[in-house]
Amino acid sequence: MGALWSVTSRASILPLVGSGPYAAGCADLMITDSNDGDTGVFLRIYYPTDKDRVNNRTRESDHPLWIDRPEYVTGLASYLKHSAGRLQYILNWIIGETRMACIGRAKLARHLRSSGQQVKDAFPVIVFCHGLAGSRHFYSTFCSSLASYGFVVAAIEHSDYSACWTYKLVPDTTSGRLIERHFPVRLLDHTDKRTLKIRTQQLSKRVSEAVKALHVLEEINLGQLQSDKVAVGKDFDWTSWKAAVVLDGWLSPLDPGHYERASQPSLFLNAANWNYIENVGRIQKLRNITEKSLYTFK
């Protein structure tokens, strides 16, 4: 697992949960904060690439490591309140050098019709926001599977201290060289009265990074992206889009005044832990304003 020692002698590649007409490519992109206050963004873009090119030319090493730095495991252990050393050992034993299903820096595919004929058309865009203690890696199977069906997925690694760990490259004030600024996960006690305020601030940061991600895609696309189609969120990242799929939606940080502005069709998929009365009540209120579907899982 990257810099971590592994007892696994053979690397493996994560499976896809579904396999469309494309293979999945991926690339990391980091945009730094500007001096005028414009926010930057760090993301991994998952996108469709041609299966024939992948089958004929790729090696196992072309697949990125699922977790490429030990800091992610350390941050996850902190969030779970486990020993970092113990968790690293367990993950190394089980996961080893496991790699993602996507191909690093593969060429963007041409659009295909159902008949398999290549045509010039646009790929729909998804902006994916991770949940608490997540990262741009943790949903790679899901994002790669979406890419195989012709979606361009921008998986953001948020710098709002909600990721298990992340970093930005910033210029050193002395040497001018780029150095890493770290953003470890911020641990909050649910009894802390500041929790809701902090989560609301994180939501604001996440929205700005999601908007930035979409703008970046608009700037770099070559006429093959549809930036007005759909976005997917995790936890509380679903606002400001044409449509949304919300995984484990938590609405407490969202000001009730924003409810009437949320006119997009939305699908909520909530695990049982998120179905407490207050949260479901907020979702029901939102459903009364526009088309919203809520599915719960036991």
Protein backbone atom coordinates (compact mmCIF):
# COMPACT_ATOMS: atom_id res chain seq x y z
CA MET A 1 0.00 0.00 0.00
CA GLY A 2 2.35 2.64 -1.27
CA ALA A 3 5.05 3.48 1.27
CA LEU A 4 3.68 0.94 3.72
CA TRP A 5 5.29 -2.44 4.12
CA SER A 6 3.11 -5.22 2.75
CA VAL A 7 3.04 -8.94 3.46
CA THR A 8 1.22 -9.45 0.16
CA SER A 9 3.64 -10.54 -2.55
CA ARG A 10 1.15 -10.19 -5.41
CA ALA A 11 -0.74 -7.02 -6.24
CA SER A 12 -4.44 -7.22 -7.05
CA ILE A 13 -6.87 -4.91 -8.83
CA LEU A 14 -10.17 -3.92 -7.29
CA PRO A 15 -13.24 -5.19 -9.18
CA LEU A 16 -15.89 -2.96 -10.71
CA VAL A 17 -19.43 -3.08 -9.36
CA GLY A 18 -20.62 -2.81 -12.95
CA SER A 19 -18.89 -2.85 -16.29
CA GLY A 20 -20.07 -0.65 -19.13
CA PRO A 21 -18.82 -0.33 -22.72
CA TYR A 22 -15.69 1.56 -21.66
CA ALA A 23 -12.68 0.96 -19.48
CA ALA A 24 -11.98 3.55 -16.76
CA GLY A 25 -9.15 6.05 -16.81
CA CYS A 26 -8.10 8.41 -14.03
CA ALA A 27 -5.87 11.38 -13.34
CA ASP A 28 -5.17 13.62 -10.35
CA LEU A 29 -5.53 17.37 -10.63
CA MET A 30 -4.59 19.99 -8.04
CA ILE A 31 -5.51 23.66 -8.48
CA THR A 32 -3.91 25.94 -5.90
CA ASP A 33 -5.67 28.77 -4.10
CA SER A 34 -5.19 32.11 -5.82
CA ASN A 35 -3.96 35.30 -4.18
CA ASP A 36 -7.32 36.98 -4.82
CA GLY A 37 -9.13 34.47 -2.61
CA ASP A 38 -10.35 32.09 -5.30
CA THR A 39 -10.41 28.61 -3.79
CA GLY A 40 -8.36 25.77 -5.21
CA VAL A 41 -9.36 22.12 -5.43
CA PHE A 42 -7.70 18.70 -5.32
CA LEU A 43 -9.50 15.95 -7.17
CA ARG A 44 -9.18 12.68 -9.01
CA ILE A 45 -10.97 12.58 -12.35
CA TYR A 46 -12.36 9.20 -13.41
CA TYR A 47 -13.34 9.05 -17.07
CA PRO A 48 -14.15 6.59 -19.88
CA THR A 49 -11.32 5.25 -22.02
CA ASP A 50 -11.32 2.75 -24.89
CA LYS A 51 -11.32 -0.90 -23.79
CA ASP A 52 -9.26 -2.06 -26.77
CA ARG A 53 -6.43 0.32 -25.95
CA VAL A 54 -6.46 -0.75 -22.29
CA ASN A 55 -6.55 -4.48 -23.01
CA ASN A 56 -3.64 -4.31 -25.42
CA ARG A 57 -1.27 -1.86 -23.76
CA THR A 58 -1.73 -1.66 -20.01
CA ARG A 59 0.30 -3.22 -17.24
CA GLU A 60 -0.62 -3.79 -13.64
CA SER A 61 1.59 -0.87 -12.65
CA ASP A 62 -0.57 1.43 -14.79
CA HIS A 63 -3.31 1.05 -12.17
CA PRO A 64 -2.81 3.53 -9.28
CA LEU A 65 -2.44 2.16 -5.77
CA TRP A 66 -5.70 2.28 -3.83
CA ILE A 67 -4.00 4.03 -0.90
CA ASP A 68 -0.69 5.50 -1.92
CA ARG A 69 0.40 7.18 1.33
CA PRO A 70 0.35 6.03 4.97
CA GLU A 71 -1.07 9.36 6.17
CA TYR A 72 -4.50 8.34 4.88
CA VAL A 73 -4.49 5.26 7.10
CA THR A 74 -3.23 7.26 10.08
CA GLY A 75 -6.06 9.76 9.65
CA LEU A 76 -8.63 7.01 9.27
CA ALA A 77 -7.35 5.37 12.45
CA SER A 78 -7.65 8.68 14.28
CA TYR A 79 -11.26 9.06 13.14
CA LEU A 80 -12.09 5.47 14.15
CA LYS A 81 -10.17 5.88 17.43
CA HIS A 82 -7.94 2.92 16.66
CA SER A 83 -4.21 2.47 16.87
CA ALA A 84 -2.66 3.77 13.66
CA GLY A 85 0.06 1.12 13.71
CA ARG A 86 -2.43 -1.68 14.25
CA LEU A 87 -4.75 -0.46 11.49
CA GLN A 88 -1.84 -0.08 9.08
CA TYR A 89 -0.72 -3.63 9.85
CA ILE A 90 -4.23 -5.04 9.33
CA LEU A 91 -4.77 -3.17 6.08
CA ASN A 92 -1.36 -4.20 4.80
CA TRP A 93 -2.11 -7.81 5.62
CA ILE A 94 -5.51 -7.78 3.93
CA ILE A 95 -5.03 -5.24 1.13
CA GLY A 96 -1.33 -5.24 0.37
CA GLU A 97 -0.53 -3.56 -2.94
CA THR A 98 -4.15 -3.44 -4.09
CA ARG A 99 -4.69 -1.18 -7.07
CA MET A 100 -7.67 0.65 -8.52
CA ALA A 101 -9.66 -0.56 -11.51
CA CYS A 102 -8.88 2.64 -13.44
CA ILE A 103 -5.87 3.27 -15.69
CA GLY A 104 -3.69 6.23 -14.79
CA ARG A 105 -3.60 9.00 -17.43
CA ALA A 106 -5.30 6.95 -20.11
CA LYS A 107 -6.64 8.76 -23.18
CA LEU A 108 -10.25 9.95 -23.05
CA ALA A 109 -12.51 7.69 -25.11
CA ARG A 110 -14.62 8.61 -28.08
CA HIS A 111 -18.34 8.46 -27.38
CA LEU A 112 -20.10 5.21 -28.38
CA ARG A 113 -23.65 4.56 -29.48
CA SER A 114 -25.40 1.43 -28.22
CA SER A 115 -24.38 -0.20 -31.50
CA GLY A 116 -20.72 0.38 -30.65
CA GLN A 117 -20.26 3.03 -33.35
CA GLN A 118 -18.00 5.94 -32.40
CA VAL A 119 -19.63 9.36 -32.52
CA LYS A 120 -18.75 12.88 -31.42
CA ASP A 121 -20.92 13.48 -28.39
CA ALA A 122 -20.60 14.65 -24.82
CA PHE A 123 -20.01 12.67 -21.63
CA PRO A 124 -22.20 13.62 -18.65
CA VAL A 125 -20.39 14.94 -15.58
CA ILE A 126 -20.63 13.85 -11.95
CA VAL A 127 -19.03 15.77 -9.09
CA PHE A 128 -18.53 13.35 -6.20
CA CYS A 129 -17.94 14.56 -2.64
CA HIS A 130 -16.68 12.13 -0.01
CA GLY A 131 -18.12 11.73 3.47
CA LEU A 132 -16.43 12.24 6.83
CA ALA A 133 -12.96 10.67 6.96
CA GLY A 134 -13.14 9.84 3.26
CA SER A 135 -10.76 10.69 0.43
CA ARG A 136 -10.57 10.73 -3.35
CA HIS A 137 -9.51 7.05 -3.21
CA PHE A 138 -12.16 5.49 -1.00
CA TYR A 139 -14.95 5.45 -3.59
CA SER A 140 -12.72 4.48 -6.52
CA THR A 141 -14.63 1.29 -7.37
CA PHE A 142 -17.90 3.21 -7.53
CA CYS A 143 -16.40 6.09 -9.52
CA SER A 144 -14.54 3.76 -11.91
CA SER A 145 -17.73 1.82 -12.53
CA LEU A 146 -19.56 5.04 -13.39
CA ALA A 147 -16.73 5.97 -15.75
CA SER A 148 -17.10 2.63 -17.53
CA TYR A 149 -20.66 3.65 -18.38
CA GLY A 150 -19.57 6.92 -19.95
CA PHE A 151 -19.53 9.38 -17.03
CA VAL A 152 -16.74 11.79 -16.19
CA VAL A 153 -16.49 11.75 -12.39
CA ALA A 154 -14.61 14.43 -10.46
CA ALA A 155 -13.95 12.98 -6.99
CA ILE A 156 -12.93 15.85 -4.73
CA GLU A 157 -10.60 15.45 -1.76
CA HIS A 158 -11.88 18.23 0.46
CA SER A 159 -9.55 20.54 2.39
CA ASP A 160 -12.21 21.39 4.99
CA TYR A 161 -10.67 18.96 7.52
CA SER A 162 -13.36 16.36 6.77
CA ALA A 163 -11.08 14.05 4.76
CA CYS A 164 -9.14 11.44 6.72
CA TRP A 165 -6.11 13.36 5.49
CA THR A 166 -5.17 15.49 2.51
CA TYR A 167 -2.67 18.11 1.46
CA LYS A 168 -2.05 21.09 -0.78
CA LEU A 169 1.14 22.22 -2.45
CA VAL A 170 1.95 25.76 -1.40
CA PRO A 171 5.08 27.90 -1.92
CA ASP A 172 7.47 28.07 1.00
CA THR A 173 7.72 31.64 2.30
CA THR A 174 11.52 31.40 2.51
CA SER A 175 12.69 29.31 -0.44
CA GLY A 176 9.71 29.70 -2.76
CA ARG A 177 9.71 25.95 -3.35
CA LEU A 178 6.47 24.02 -3.21
CA ILE A 179 5.87 22.27 0.08
CA GLU A 180 2.96 20.29 1.46
CA ARG A 181 0.38 21.84 3.73
CA HIS A 182 -1.47 19.07 5.55
CA PHE A 183 -5.18 18.91 6.40
CA PRO A 184 -5.79 16.13 8.96
CA VAL A 185 -9.30 15.06 9.85
CA ARG A 186 -10.88 17.28 12.49
CA LEU A 187 -12.38 15.24 15.30
CA LEU A 188 -15.54 16.66 16.88
CA ASP A 189 -17.47 15.53 19.92
CA HIS A 190 -21.20 15.38 19.25
CA THR A 191 -21.74 17.07 22.63
CA ASP A 192 -19.61 20.06 21.58
CA LYS A 193 -21.89 23.06 21.02
CA ARG A 194 -19.61 24.25 18.21
CA THR A 195 -20.13 21.09 16.14
CA LEU A 196 -23.03 22.33 14.03
CA LYS A 197 -21.32 25.67 13.37
CA ILE A 198 -18.13 23.91 12.27
CA ARG A 199 -20.03 21.50 10.04
CA THR A 200 -21.86 24.43 8.45
CA GLN A 201 -18.51 26.10 7.73
CA GLN A 202 -17.28 22.85 6.20
CA LEU A 203 -20.37 22.71 4.01
CA SER A 204 -19.62 26.20 2.70
CA LYS A 205 -16.05 25.17 1.88
CA ARG A 206 -17.25 22.00 0.17
CA VAL A 207 -19.71 23.87 -2.01
CA SER A 208 -16.99 26.28 -3.13
CA GLU A 209 -14.67 23.38 -3.99
CA ALA A 210 -17.44 21.54 -5.86
CA VAL A 211 -18.21 24.66 -7.91
CA LYS A 212 -14.49 25.08 -8.59
CA ALA A 213 -14.25 21.46 -9.76
CA LEU A 214 -17.06 22.02 -12.23
CA HIS A 215 -15.44 25.21 -13.52
CA VAL A 216 -12.15 23.37 -13.97
CA LEU A 217 -13.85 20.67 -16.01
CA GLU A 218 -15.51 23.33 -18.14
CA GLU A 219 -12.13 24.94 -18.80
CA ILE A 220 -10.27 21.78 -19.79
CA ASN A 221 -12.97 19.93 -21.71
CA LEU A 222 -12.69 19.55 -25.48
CA GLY A 223 -16.38 19.49 -26.23
CA GLN A 224 -16.79 15.99 -24.82
CA LEU A 225 -18.28 16.81 -21.43
CA GLN A 226 -21.83 17.72 -20.45
CA SER A 227 -21.49 19.85 -17.34
CA ASP A 228 -25.22 20.38 -16.92
CA LYS A 229 -26.32 16.79 -16.33
CA VAL A 230 -25.92 15.36 -12.83
CA ALA A 231 -23.91 15.46 -9.62
CA VAL A 232 -23.55 12.98 -6.78
CA GLY A 233 -22.93 13.92 -3.16
CA LYS A 234 -21.95 12.10 0.02
CA ASP A 235 -23.42 13.28 3.33
CA PHE A 236 -24.21 17.00 2.92
CA ASP A 237 -22.80 17.91 -0.51
CA TRP A 238 -25.86 17.93 -2.74
CA THR A 239 -26.76 21.60 -3.29
CA SER A 240 -26.39 23.74 -6.44
CA TRP A 241 -26.75 21.06 -9.14
CA LYS A 242 -29.15 20.00 -11.89
CA ALA A 243 -29.83 16.71 -10.12
CA ALA A 244 -28.36 14.88 -7.15
CA VAL A 245 -27.92 11.46 -5.62
CA VAL A 246 -27.34 11.88 -1.89
CA LEU A 247 -25.68 9.03 -0.02
CA ASP A 248 -26.33 9.11 3.74
CA GLY A 249 -27.72 12.63 3.58
CA TRP A 250 -27.38 14.70 6.77
CA LEU A 251 -29.24 18.01 6.53
CA SER A 252 -28.50 19.60 9.90
CA PRO A 253 -25.73 21.90 8.55
CA LEU A 254 -28.04 23.16 5.81
CA ASP A 255 -29.82 26.40 6.66
CA PRO A 256 -33.61 25.85 6.31
CA GLY A 257 -33.68 29.02 4.23
CA HIS A 258 -31.93 27.10 1.45
CA TYR A 259 -34.68 24.49 1.17
CA GLU A 260 -36.81 26.52 -1.23
CA ARG A 261 -33.78 27.06 -3.45
CA ALA A 262 -33.19 23.31 -3.81
CA SER A 263 -35.40 22.76 -6.83
CA GLN A 264 -33.37 19.95 -8.39
CA PRO A 265 -34.65 16.36 -8.56
CA SER A 266 -32.81 14.42 -5.86
CA LEU A 267 -32.48 10.82 -4.75
CA PHE A 268 -31.59 10.10 -1.10
CA LEU A 269 -30.05 6.73 -0.22
CA ASN A 270 -29.69 6.57 3.55
CA ALA A 271 -28.35 3.82 5.78
CA ALA A 272 -30.28 3.14 8.99
CA ASN A 273 -27.98 5.31 11.14
CA TRP A 274 -29.14 8.41 9.27
CA ASN A 275 -32.84 7.76 9.66
CA TYR A 276 -33.36 9.39 13.02
CA ILE A 277 -36.48 11.51 13.43
CA GLU A 278 -34.92 14.96 13.09
CA ASN A 279 -33.01 14.13 9.90
CA VAL A 280 -35.92 12.35 8.23
CA GLY A 281 -38.15 15.30 9.13
CA ARG A 282 -35.79 17.68 7.32
CA ILE A 283 -35.75 15.43 4.26
CA GLN A 284 -39.54 15.21 4.27
CA LYS A 285 -39.74 19.00 4.41
CA LEU A 286 -37.45 19.16 1.41
CA ARG A 287 -39.59 16.63 -0.46
CA ASN A 288 -42.61 18.88 -0.10
CA ILE A 289 -40.88 21.61 -2.11
CA THR A 290 -39.74 19.64 -5.15
CA GLU A 291 -39.33 16.13 -6.48
CA LYS A 292 -37.29 14.11 -3.98
CA SER A 293 -37.14 10.35 -3.46
CA LEU A 294 -35.97 8.78 -0.20
CA TYR A 295 -34.88 5.16 0.15
CA THR A 296 -33.68 3.70 3.45
CA PHE A 297 -31.63 0.57 4.09
CA LYS A 298 -31.68 -1.61 7.20
